[in-house]
Amino acid sequence: MQRRPSALQCLALTACLCLLAQGCASVSLKRSTKTSGTYTSTGWAFTLFSIDMPSSAMKIARENAADFHLANTTETAASLTPDIGWWNWVFDIISIRRAKVQGTWGFEDK
């Protein structure tokens, strides 16, 4: 005979999933001149059955950098972890992904 989960267990599981579904982001800016510099933006997302919650980690990181409305923004590097190449489909079942986007912004003084 199978035992059904209690209402408290279902509530606890739902609360855990809601906490995991929240995205997290950060950004740091470094000036090299008065009108230019570099930025690093990161984003976290929870993936369950190929559904990214609240959206993909890379999208969160790029939107976070765009929220600063910096002029002449250029992305120079982007990475997603964990990344194991062809086997990334395993992480589409259930995972927490982290994206990091680096770039430059502004106009250099001449």
C-alpha atoms as a PDB file:
ATOM      1  CA  MET A   1       0.000   0.000   0.000  1.00  0.00           C
ATOM      2  CA  GLN A   2       1.387   3.407  -0.971  1.00  0.00           C
ATOM      3  CA  ARG A   3       1.492   6.225   1.503  1.00  0.00           C
ATOM      4  CA  ARG A   4       0.291   9.622   0.276  1.00  0.00           C
ATOM      5  CA  PRO A   5       2.244  12.733   1.242  1.00  0.00           C
ATOM      6  CA  SER A   6       0.639  14.849   3.935  1.00  0.00           C
ATOM      7  CA  ALA A   7      -0.613  18.373   3.339  1.00  0.00           C
ATOM      8  CA  LEU A   8       2.321  19.732   5.360  1.00  0.00           C
ATOM      9  CA  GLN A   9       4.832  17.881   3.154  1.00  0.00           C
ATOM     10  CA  CYS A  10       3.140  19.228   0.015  1.00  0.00           C
ATOM     11  CA  LEU A  11       3.230  22.749   1.444  1.00  0.00           C
ATOM     12  CA  ALA A  12       6.909  22.428   2.351  1.00  0.00           C
ATOM     13  CA  LEU A  13       7.756  21.142  -1.129  1.00  0.00           C
ATOM     14  CA  THR A  14       5.810  23.990  -2.755  1.00  0.00           C
ATOM     15  CA  ALA A  15       7.604  26.547  -0.554  1.00  0.00           C
ATOM     16  CA  CYS A  16      11.002  25.092  -1.503  1.00  0.00           C
ATOM     17  CA  LEU A  17      10.166  25.192  -5.214  1.00  0.00           C
ATOM     18  CA  CYS A  18       9.004  28.819  -4.929  1.00  0.00           C
ATOM     19  CA  LEU A  19      12.272  29.780  -3.248  1.00  0.00           C
ATOM     20  CA  LEU A  20      14.277  28.013  -5.951  1.00  0.00           C
ATOM     21  CA  ALA A  21      12.237  29.638  -8.704  1.00  0.00           C
ATOM     22  CA  GLN A  22      13.401  33.106  -7.776  1.00  0.00           C
ATOM     23  CA  GLY A  23      16.100  34.583  -9.985  1.00  0.00           C
ATOM     24  CA  CYS A  24      19.126  36.274  -8.560  1.00  0.00           C
ATOM     25  CA  ALA A  25      21.383  38.819 -10.230  1.00  0.00           C
ATOM     26  CA  SER A  26      24.299  41.131  -9.549  1.00  0.00           C
ATOM     27  CA  VAL A  27      26.339  43.634 -11.515  1.00  0.00           C
ATOM     28  CA  SER A  28      29.620  45.442 -10.921  1.00  0.00           C
ATOM     29  CA  LEU A  29      30.990  48.416 -12.816  1.00  0.00           C
ATOM     30  CA  LYS A  30      34.596  49.616 -12.961  1.00  0.00           C
ATOM     31  CA  ARG A  31      35.524  52.940 -14.484  1.00  0.00           C
ATOM     32  CA  SER A  32      38.698  53.275 -16.527  1.00  0.00           C
ATOM     33  CA  THR A  33      37.992  56.913 -17.523  1.00  0.00           C
ATOM     34  CA  LYS A  34      35.225  59.398 -16.735  1.00  0.00           C
ATOM     35  CA  THR A  35      33.140  58.096 -19.636  1.00  0.00           C
ATOM     36  CA  SER A  36      34.081  54.415 -19.979  1.00  0.00           C
ATOM     37  CA  GLY A  37      34.810  51.224 -18.124  1.00  0.00           C
ATOM     38  CA  THR A  38      34.009  47.538 -17.794  1.00  0.00           C
ATOM     39  CA  TYR A  39      31.095  45.635 -16.314  1.00  0.00           C
ATOM     40  CA  THR A  40      30.462  42.143 -14.999  1.00  0.00           C
ATOM     41  CA  SER A  41      26.898  40.893 -14.630  1.00  0.00           C
ATOM     42  CA  THR A  42      25.728  37.554 -13.238  1.00  0.00           C
ATOM     43  CA  GLY A  43      22.371  35.843 -13.165  1.00  0.00           C
ATOM     44  CA  TRP A  44      21.005  32.685 -11.522  1.00  0.00           C
ATOM     45  CA  ALA A  45      17.980  30.627 -12.571  1.00  0.00           C
ATOM     46  CA  PHE A  46      16.307  27.372 -11.576  1.00  0.00           C
ATOM     47  CA  THR A  47      15.518  24.895 -14.376  1.00  0.00           C
ATOM     48  CA  LEU A  48      12.891  22.166 -14.101  1.00  0.00           C
ATOM     49  CA  PHE A  49      12.006  20.049 -17.159  1.00  0.00           C
ATOM     50  CA  SER A  50      13.524  22.630 -19.551  1.00  0.00           C
ATOM     51  CA  ILE A  51      11.540  25.498 -18.034  1.00  0.00           C
ATOM     52  CA  ASP A  52      13.766  28.270 -16.694  1.00  0.00           C
ATOM     53  CA  MET A  53      12.317  30.099 -13.719  1.00  0.00           C
ATOM     54  CA  PRO A  54      11.891  33.071 -13.731  1.00  0.00           C
ATOM     55  CA  SER A  55      13.753  33.141 -17.094  1.00  0.00           C
ATOM     56  CA  SER A  56      17.084  31.835 -18.413  1.00  0.00           C
ATOM     57  CA  ALA A  57      20.180  32.751 -16.410  1.00  0.00           C
ATOM     58  CA  MET A  58      21.838  34.306 -19.476  1.00  0.00           C
ATOM     59  CA  LYS A  59      18.793  36.502 -20.115  1.00  0.00           C
ATOM     60  CA  ILE A  60      18.758  37.626 -16.471  1.00  0.00           C
ATOM     61  CA  ALA A  61      22.461  38.553 -16.613  1.00  0.00           C
ATOM     62  CA  ARG A  62      22.081  40.501 -19.884  1.00  0.00           C
ATOM     63  CA  GLU A  63      18.940  42.319 -18.714  1.00  0.00           C
ATOM     64  CA  ASN A  64      20.672  43.202 -15.464  1.00  0.00           C
ATOM     65  CA  ALA A  65      23.527  44.863 -17.367  1.00  0.00           C
ATOM     66  CA  ALA A  66      21.055  46.645 -19.663  1.00  0.00           C
ATOM     67  CA  ASP A  67      19.204  48.117 -16.672  1.00  0.00           C
ATOM     68  CA  PHE A  68      22.114  50.522 -16.132  1.00  0.00           C
ATOM     69  CA  HIS A  69      21.418  52.194 -19.515  1.00  0.00           C
ATOM     70  CA  LEU A  70      25.121  52.624 -20.216  1.00  0.00           C
ATOM     71  CA  ALA A  71      26.126  54.109 -23.563  1.00  0.00           C
ATOM     72  CA  ASN A  72      28.013  52.009 -26.128  1.00  0.00           C
ATOM     73  CA  THR A  73      27.737  48.709 -24.226  1.00  0.00           C
ATOM     74  CA  THR A  74      29.659  45.822 -25.814  1.00  0.00           C
ATOM     75  CA  GLU A  75      29.619  42.245 -24.537  1.00  0.00           C
ATOM     76  CA  THR A  76      33.101  40.711 -24.634  1.00  0.00           C
ATOM     77  CA  ALA A  77      32.565  37.376 -22.837  1.00  0.00           C
ATOM     78  CA  ALA A  78      29.691  35.197 -21.677  1.00  0.00           C
ATOM     79  CA  SER A  79      29.690  31.894 -19.818  1.00  0.00           C
ATOM     80  CA  LEU A  80      27.103  29.516 -18.393  1.00  0.00           C
ATOM     81  CA  THR A  81      27.875  27.089 -15.587  1.00  0.00           C
ATOM     82  CA  PRO A  82      27.581  24.195 -15.198  1.00  0.00           C
ATOM     83  CA  ASP A  83      28.494  23.476 -18.814  1.00  0.00           C
ATOM     84  CA  ILE A  84      29.421  19.960 -19.905  1.00  0.00           C
ATOM     85  CA  GLY A  85      28.944  20.307 -23.651  1.00  0.00           C
ATOM     86  CA  TRP A  86      26.695  17.776 -25.326  1.00  0.00           C
ATOM     87  CA  TRP A  87      25.514  16.476 -21.935  1.00  0.00           C
ATOM     88  CA  ASN A  88      23.874  19.813 -21.011  1.00  0.00           C
ATOM     89  CA  TRP A  89      20.495  18.204 -21.662  1.00  0.00           C
ATOM     90  CA  VAL A  90      20.921  16.537 -18.248  1.00  0.00           C
ATOM     91  CA  PHE A  91      20.767  19.986 -16.640  1.00  0.00           C
ATOM     92  CA  ASP A  92      17.499  20.679 -18.463  1.00  0.00           C
ATOM     93  CA  ILE A  93      15.801  18.098 -16.234  1.00  0.00           C
ATOM     94  CA  ILE A  94      16.587  19.878 -12.947  1.00  0.00           C
ATOM     95  CA  SER A  95      19.390  22.294 -12.132  1.00  0.00           C
ATOM     96  CA  ILE A  96      20.472  25.700 -10.963  1.00  0.00           C
ATOM     97  CA  ARG A  97      22.367  27.590 -13.670  1.00  0.00           C
ATOM     98  CA  ARG A  98      24.660  30.612 -13.331  1.00  0.00           C
ATOM     99  CA  ALA A  99      25.486  32.960 -16.193  1.00  0.00           C
ATOM    100  CA  LYS A 100      28.259  35.555 -16.250  1.00  0.00           C
ATOM    101  CA  VAL A 101      28.458  38.340 -18.843  1.00  0.00           C
ATOM    102  CA  GLN A 102      31.441  40.696 -19.118  1.00  0.00           C
ATOM    103  CA  GLY A 103      31.923  43.688 -21.358  1.00  0.00           C
ATOM    104  CA  THR A 104      32.860  47.296 -21.870  1.00  0.00           C
ATOM    105  CA  TRP A 105      30.819  50.472 -21.885  1.00  0.00           C
ATOM    106  CA  GLY A 106      31.244  54.116 -22.782  1.00  0.00           C
ATOM    107  CA  PHE A 107      33.657  56.067 -24.920  1.00  0.00           C
ATOM    108  CA  GLU A 108      37.377  56.320 -24.210  1.00  0.00           C
ATOM    109  CA  ASP A 109      38.897  59.781 -23.936  1.00  0.00           C
ATOM    110  CA  LYS A 110      41.344  60.610 -26.690  1.00  0.00           C
END
